Amino acid sequence: MEKLLSKICCMLLVSACEAQTMRVWMKDGSERQFAVSEIESVTFSEKGTSMDRIKQEIEQFLDDWNAAMIAADTVRLGAMMDDGIILRHITGMTQTKREWLEEVASGSMKYHKIEKRDVVVTSNSDGSASVSFTSVITATIWGSYGTWTLSDTMRLVKRSGRWIRVE
């Protein structure tokens, strides 16, 4: 993909230099023409991968994640996580993906209600995205029922068109 974008950039710059002007399609759908001397930098994005779109996709990921937790849908939760992920609890205890999914399946960790707040999505230079948010979780964890307000950060990567939690 990078090679293709690189070739496109070079073709565009060569064409612009030859013509001394460049037509640019703006985010609002309008078209503008610039003199080459006016253009300091150009940012290219793949269609459909604007930051707004990424934020929408990740908000949907969080909604799906929370719904799967409440439903104890370990198949869906498992598909949403990388196999090598290590999960850290508020106690500091860590669990592998398999260990956590077993706890959810057995009912040792039962999530009743989850509310997400203050979602902030950041696009990382390696193509991943980080999402920081606050969750208000009502759950029964190892026999203790309560409501906890937790701050979390997830790192997600897109694989085969789907976001996957890797951290």
C-alpha atoms as a PDB file:
ATOM      1  CA  MET A   1       0.000   0.000   0.000  1.00  0.00           C
ATOM      2  CA  GLU A   2       2.823   2.404   0.880  1.00  0.00           C
ATOM      3  CA  LYS A   3       4.498   1.806  -2.494  1.00  0.00           C
ATOM      4  CA  LEU A   4       1.234   2.504  -4.280  1.00  0.00           C
ATOM      5  CA  LEU A   5       0.666   5.734  -2.339  1.00  0.00           C
ATOM      6  CA  SER A   6       4.263   6.717  -2.975  1.00  0.00           C
ATOM      7  CA  LYS A   7       3.829   6.209  -6.736  1.00  0.00           C
ATOM      8  CA  ILE A   8       0.559   8.160  -6.701  1.00  0.00           C
ATOM      9  CA  CYS A   9       2.214  11.013  -4.763  1.00  0.00           C
ATOM     10  CA  CYS A  10       5.084  11.151  -7.237  1.00  0.00           C
ATOM     11  CA  MET A  11       2.711  11.124 -10.219  1.00  0.00           C
ATOM     12  CA  LEU A  12       0.620  13.876  -8.657  1.00  0.00           C
ATOM     13  CA  LEU A  13       3.650  16.009  -7.881  1.00  0.00           C
ATOM     14  CA  VAL A  14       5.111  15.544 -11.366  1.00  0.00           C
ATOM     15  CA  SER A  15       1.754  16.411 -12.931  1.00  0.00           C
ATOM     16  CA  ALA A  16       1.401  19.422 -10.655  1.00  0.00           C
ATOM     17  CA  CYS A  17       4.900  20.651 -11.429  1.00  0.00           C
ATOM     18  CA  GLU A  18       4.331  20.336 -15.163  1.00  0.00           C
ATOM     19  CA  ALA A  19       1.023  22.168 -14.939  1.00  0.00           C
ATOM     20  CA  GLN A  20       2.135  24.590 -12.186  1.00  0.00           C
ATOM     21  CA  THR A  21      -1.289  24.083 -10.586  1.00  0.00           C
ATOM     22  CA  MET A  22      -2.958  21.250  -8.766  1.00  0.00           C
ATOM     23  CA  ARG A  23      -6.654  20.450  -8.375  1.00  0.00           C
ATOM     24  CA  VAL A  24      -7.527  19.257  -4.885  1.00  0.00           C
ATOM     25  CA  TRP A  25     -10.804  17.760  -3.680  1.00  0.00           C
ATOM     26  CA  MET A  26     -11.563  19.023  -0.205  1.00  0.00           C
ATOM     27  CA  LYS A  27     -13.199  17.064   2.658  1.00  0.00           C
ATOM     28  CA  ASP A  28     -16.473  18.926   2.100  1.00  0.00           C
ATOM     29  CA  GLY A  29     -16.591  17.636  -1.503  1.00  0.00           C
ATOM     30  CA  SER A  30     -15.646  20.928  -3.109  1.00  0.00           C
ATOM     31  CA  GLU A  31     -12.822  21.231  -5.615  1.00  0.00           C
ATOM     32  CA  ARG A  32     -10.073  23.856  -5.414  1.00  0.00           C
ATOM     33  CA  GLN A  33      -7.130  24.684  -7.589  1.00  0.00           C
ATOM     34  CA  PHE A  34      -3.808  25.669  -6.038  1.00  0.00           C
ATOM     35  CA  ALA A  35      -0.596  26.981  -7.490  1.00  0.00           C
ATOM     36  CA  VAL A  36       2.210  24.490  -6.773  1.00  0.00           C
ATOM     37  CA  SER A  37       4.025  27.213  -4.830  1.00  0.00           C
ATOM     38  CA  GLU A  38       1.063  27.382  -2.386  1.00  0.00           C
ATOM     39  CA  ILE A  39       1.258  23.712  -1.420  1.00  0.00           C
ATOM     40  CA  GLU A  40       3.493  23.060   1.565  1.00  0.00           C
ATOM     41  CA  SER A  41       2.398  19.506   2.331  1.00  0.00           C
ATOM     42  CA  VAL A  42      -0.208  17.069   1.142  1.00  0.00           C
ATOM     43  CA  THR A  43      -1.865  14.449   3.299  1.00  0.00           C
ATOM     44  CA  PHE A  44      -3.325  11.436   1.537  1.00  0.00           C
ATOM     45  CA  SER A  45      -5.793   9.087   3.138  1.00  0.00           C
ATOM     46  CA  GLU A  46      -7.247   5.848   1.918  1.00  0.00           C
ATOM     47  CA  LYS A  47     -10.957   6.191   1.141  1.00  0.00           C
ATOM     48  CA  GLY A  48     -13.045   5.471   4.214  1.00  0.00           C
ATOM     49  CA  THR A  49     -10.217   5.727   6.746  1.00  0.00           C
ATOM     50  CA  SER A  50     -10.666   9.287   7.912  1.00  0.00           C
ATOM     51  CA  MET A  51     -10.227   9.837  11.634  1.00  0.00           C
ATOM     52  CA  ASP A  52     -13.992  10.356  11.977  1.00  0.00           C
ATOM     53  CA  ARG A  53     -14.590   6.951  10.403  1.00  0.00           C
ATOM     54  CA  ILE A  54     -11.962   5.310  12.629  1.00  0.00           C
ATOM     55  CA  LYS A  55     -13.601   6.870  15.705  1.00  0.00           C
ATOM     56  CA  GLN A  56     -17.014   5.567  14.635  1.00  0.00           C
ATOM     57  CA  GLU A  57     -15.630   2.073  14.046  1.00  0.00           C
ATOM     58  CA  ILE A  58     -13.896   2.018  17.427  1.00  0.00           C
ATOM     59  CA  GLU A  59     -16.965   3.366  19.246  1.00  0.00           C
ATOM     60  CA  GLN A  60     -18.874   0.484  17.629  1.00  0.00           C
ATOM     61  CA  PHE A  61     -16.120  -1.937  18.704  1.00  0.00           C
ATOM     62  CA  LEU A  62     -16.528  -0.739  22.313  1.00  0.00           C
ATOM     63  CA  ASP A  63     -20.320  -1.111  22.126  1.00  0.00           C
ATOM     64  CA  ASP A  64     -19.931  -4.645  20.725  1.00  0.00           C
ATOM     65  CA  TRP A  65     -17.274  -5.462  23.352  1.00  0.00           C
ATOM     66  CA  ASN A  66     -19.531  -4.298  26.194  1.00  0.00           C
ATOM     67  CA  ALA A  67     -22.564  -6.170  24.803  1.00  0.00           C
ATOM     68  CA  ALA A  68     -20.487  -9.359  24.497  1.00  0.00           C
ATOM     69  CA  MET A  69     -19.258  -8.960  28.083  1.00  0.00           C
ATOM     70  CA  ILE A  70     -22.820  -8.575  29.397  1.00  0.00           C
ATOM     71  CA  ALA A  71     -23.999 -11.543  27.324  1.00  0.00           C
ATOM     72  CA  ALA A  72     -20.958 -13.605  28.425  1.00  0.00           C
ATOM     73  CA  ASP A  73     -20.435 -14.296  24.712  1.00  0.00           C
ATOM     74  CA  THR A  74     -16.952 -15.761  24.950  1.00  0.00           C
ATOM     75  CA  VAL A  75     -16.882 -16.711  21.269  1.00  0.00           C
ATOM     76  CA  ARG A  76     -17.432 -13.101  20.233  1.00  0.00           C
ATOM     77  CA  LEU A  77     -15.067 -11.749  22.897  1.00  0.00           C
ATOM     78  CA  GLY A  78     -12.401 -14.231  21.824  1.00  0.00           C
ATOM     79  CA  ALA A  79     -12.702 -13.118  18.199  1.00  0.00           C
ATOM     80  CA  MET A  80     -12.252  -9.490  19.274  1.00  0.00           C
ATOM     81  CA  MET A  81      -8.886 -10.105  20.993  1.00  0.00           C
ATOM     82  CA  ASP A  82      -5.423 -11.096  19.885  1.00  0.00           C
ATOM     83  CA  ASP A  83      -4.411 -14.548  21.131  1.00  0.00           C
ATOM     84  CA  GLY A  84      -1.358 -13.145  22.953  1.00  0.00           C
ATOM     85  CA  ILE A  85      -3.193 -10.443  24.901  1.00  0.00           C
ATOM     86  CA  ILE A  86      -2.644 -10.136  28.649  1.00  0.00           C
ATOM     87  CA  LEU A  87      -5.500  -8.520  30.585  1.00  0.00           C
ATOM     88  CA  ARG A  88      -4.843  -6.583  33.796  1.00  0.00           C
ATOM     89  CA  HIS A  89      -7.491  -6.226  36.504  1.00  0.00           C
ATOM     90  CA  ILE A  90      -7.885  -3.308  38.908  1.00  0.00           C
ATOM     91  CA  THR A  91      -6.234  -5.473  41.561  1.00  0.00           C
ATOM     92  CA  GLY A  92      -3.113  -5.681  39.376  1.00  0.00           C
ATOM     93  CA  MET A  93      -3.689  -9.365  38.666  1.00  0.00           C
ATOM     94  CA  THR A  94      -3.049 -10.407  35.060  1.00  0.00           C
ATOM     95  CA  GLN A  95      -4.776 -13.073  33.012  1.00  0.00           C
ATOM     96  CA  THR A  96      -4.266 -14.536  29.585  1.00  0.00           C
ATOM     97  CA  LYS A  97      -7.057 -14.373  27.057  1.00  0.00           C
ATOM     98  CA  ARG A  98      -7.913 -18.036  27.721  1.00  0.00           C
ATOM     99  CA  GLU A  99      -7.972 -17.582  31.513  1.00  0.00           C
ATOM    100  CA  TRP A 100     -10.246 -14.542  31.337  1.00  0.00           C
ATOM    101  CA  LEU A 101     -12.622 -16.155  28.861  1.00  0.00           C
ATOM    102  CA  GLU A 102     -12.887 -19.213  31.137  1.00  0.00           C
ATOM    103  CA  GLU A 103     -13.815 -16.935  34.074  1.00  0.00           C
ATOM    104  CA  VAL A 104     -16.496 -15.220  31.973  1.00  0.00           C
ATOM    105  CA  ALA A 105     -17.856 -18.564  30.673  1.00  0.00           C
ATOM    106  CA  SER A 106     -18.026 -20.061  34.186  1.00  0.00           C
ATOM    107  CA  GLY A 107     -19.860 -17.034  35.594  1.00  0.00           C
ATOM    108  CA  SER A 108     -17.028 -16.176  38.013  1.00  0.00           C
ATOM    109  CA  MET A 109     -16.973 -12.823  36.241  1.00  0.00           C
ATOM    110  CA  LYS A 110     -20.504 -11.730  35.416  1.00  0.00           C
ATOM    111  CA  TYR A 111     -21.022  -8.292  33.877  1.00  0.00           C
ATOM    112  CA  HIS A 112     -24.511  -6.827  34.398  1.00  0.00           C
ATOM    113  CA  LYS A 113     -24.253  -3.287  33.043  1.00  0.00           C
ATOM    114  CA  ILE A 114     -21.494  -1.268  31.382  1.00  0.00           C
ATOM    115  CA  GLU A 115     -21.601   2.430  30.576  1.00  0.00           C
ATOM    116  CA  LYS A 116     -18.782   3.994  28.559  1.00  0.00           C
ATOM    117  CA  ARG A 117     -17.780   7.640  28.972  1.00  0.00           C
ATOM    118  CA  ASP A 118     -15.181  10.104  27.762  1.00  0.00           C
ATOM    119  CA  VAL A 119     -13.966   8.086  24.751  1.00  0.00           C
ATOM    120  CA  VAL A 120     -10.780   9.439  23.136  1.00  0.00           C
ATOM    121  CA  VAL A 121      -9.397   7.722  20.028  1.00  0.00           C
ATOM    122  CA  THR A 122      -5.834   8.288  18.830  1.00  0.00           C
ATOM    123  CA  SER A 123      -4.400   7.038  15.549  1.00  0.00           C
ATOM    124  CA  ASN A 124      -0.860   5.709  16.042  1.00  0.00           C
ATOM    125  CA  SER A 125       1.954   5.943  13.487  1.00  0.00           C
ATOM    126  CA  ASP A 126       2.191   2.132  13.277  1.00  0.00           C
ATOM    127  CA  GLY A 127      -1.380   1.901  11.939  1.00  0.00           C
ATOM    128  CA  SER A 128      -2.888   0.875  15.268  1.00  0.00           C
ATOM    129  CA  ALA A 129      -5.318   2.974  17.256  1.00  0.00           C
ATOM    130  CA  SER A 130      -5.456   3.659  20.975  1.00  0.00           C
ATOM    131  CA  VAL A 131      -8.728   4.288  22.717  1.00  0.00           C
ATOM    132  CA  SER A 132      -8.912   5.692  26.240  1.00  0.00           C
ATOM    133  CA  PHE A 133     -12.219   5.755  28.056  1.00  0.00           C
ATOM    134  CA  THR A 134     -13.964   5.448  31.381  1.00  0.00           C
ATOM    135  CA  SER A 135     -16.329   2.551  32.080  1.00  0.00           C
ATOM    136  CA  VAL A 136     -18.875   2.350  34.847  1.00  0.00           C
ATOM    137  CA  ILE A 137     -19.228  -1.403  35.307  1.00  0.00           C
ATOM    138  CA  THR A 138     -21.796  -3.190  37.452  1.00  0.00           C
ATOM    139  CA  ALA A 139     -20.642  -6.773  37.867  1.00  0.00           C
ATOM    140  CA  THR A 140     -20.281  -9.756  40.119  1.00  0.00           C
ATOM    141  CA  ILE A 141     -16.581 -10.626  40.225  1.00  0.00           C
ATOM    142  CA  TRP A 142     -15.628 -13.768  42.166  1.00  0.00           C
ATOM    143  CA  GLY A 143     -18.775 -13.430  44.262  1.00  0.00           C
ATOM    144  CA  SER A 144     -18.481  -9.687  44.982  1.00  0.00           C
ATOM    145  CA  TYR A 145     -21.252  -7.554  43.492  1.00  0.00           C
ATOM    146  CA  GLY A 146     -20.539  -3.885  42.914  1.00  0.00           C
ATOM    147  CA  THR A 147     -20.232  -0.948  40.592  1.00  0.00           C
ATOM    148  CA  TRP A 148     -16.768   0.247  39.662  1.00  0.00           C
ATOM    149  CA  THR A 149     -15.626   3.257  37.668  1.00  0.00           C
ATOM    150  CA  LEU A 150     -12.564   2.254  35.683  1.00  0.00           C
ATOM    151  CA  SER A 151     -10.252   4.109  33.315  1.00  0.00           C
ATOM    152  CA  ASP A 152      -8.948   1.968  30.487  1.00  0.00           C
ATOM    153  CA  THR A 153      -6.803   2.240  27.404  1.00  0.00           C
ATOM    154  CA  MET A 154      -6.938  -0.336  24.631  1.00  0.00           C
ATOM    155  CA  ARG A 155      -4.640  -0.621  21.629  1.00  0.00           C
ATOM    156  CA  LEU A 156      -6.399  -1.981  18.578  1.00  0.00           C
ATOM    157  CA  VAL A 157      -5.165  -3.097  15.168  1.00  0.00           C
ATOM    158  CA  LYS A 158      -7.197  -3.678  12.059  1.00  0.00           C
ATOM    159  CA  ARG A 159      -6.952  -7.217  10.675  1.00  0.00           C
ATOM    160  CA  SER A 160      -8.992  -8.434   7.716  1.00  0.00           C
ATOM    161  CA  GLY A 161     -11.148  -5.307   7.981  1.00  0.00           C
ATOM    162  CA  ARG A 162     -11.929  -5.742  11.704  1.00  0.00           C
ATOM    163  CA  TRP A 163     -10.524  -4.064  14.794  1.00  0.00           C
ATOM    164  CA  ILE A 164      -8.812  -6.477  17.208  1.00  0.00           C
ATOM    165  CA  ARG A 165      -7.764  -5.675  20.786  1.00  0.00           C
ATOM    166  CA  VAL A 166      -4.036  -6.323  21.211  1.00  0.00           C
ATOM    167  CA  GLU A 167      -3.364  -4.477  24.505  1.00  0.00           C
END
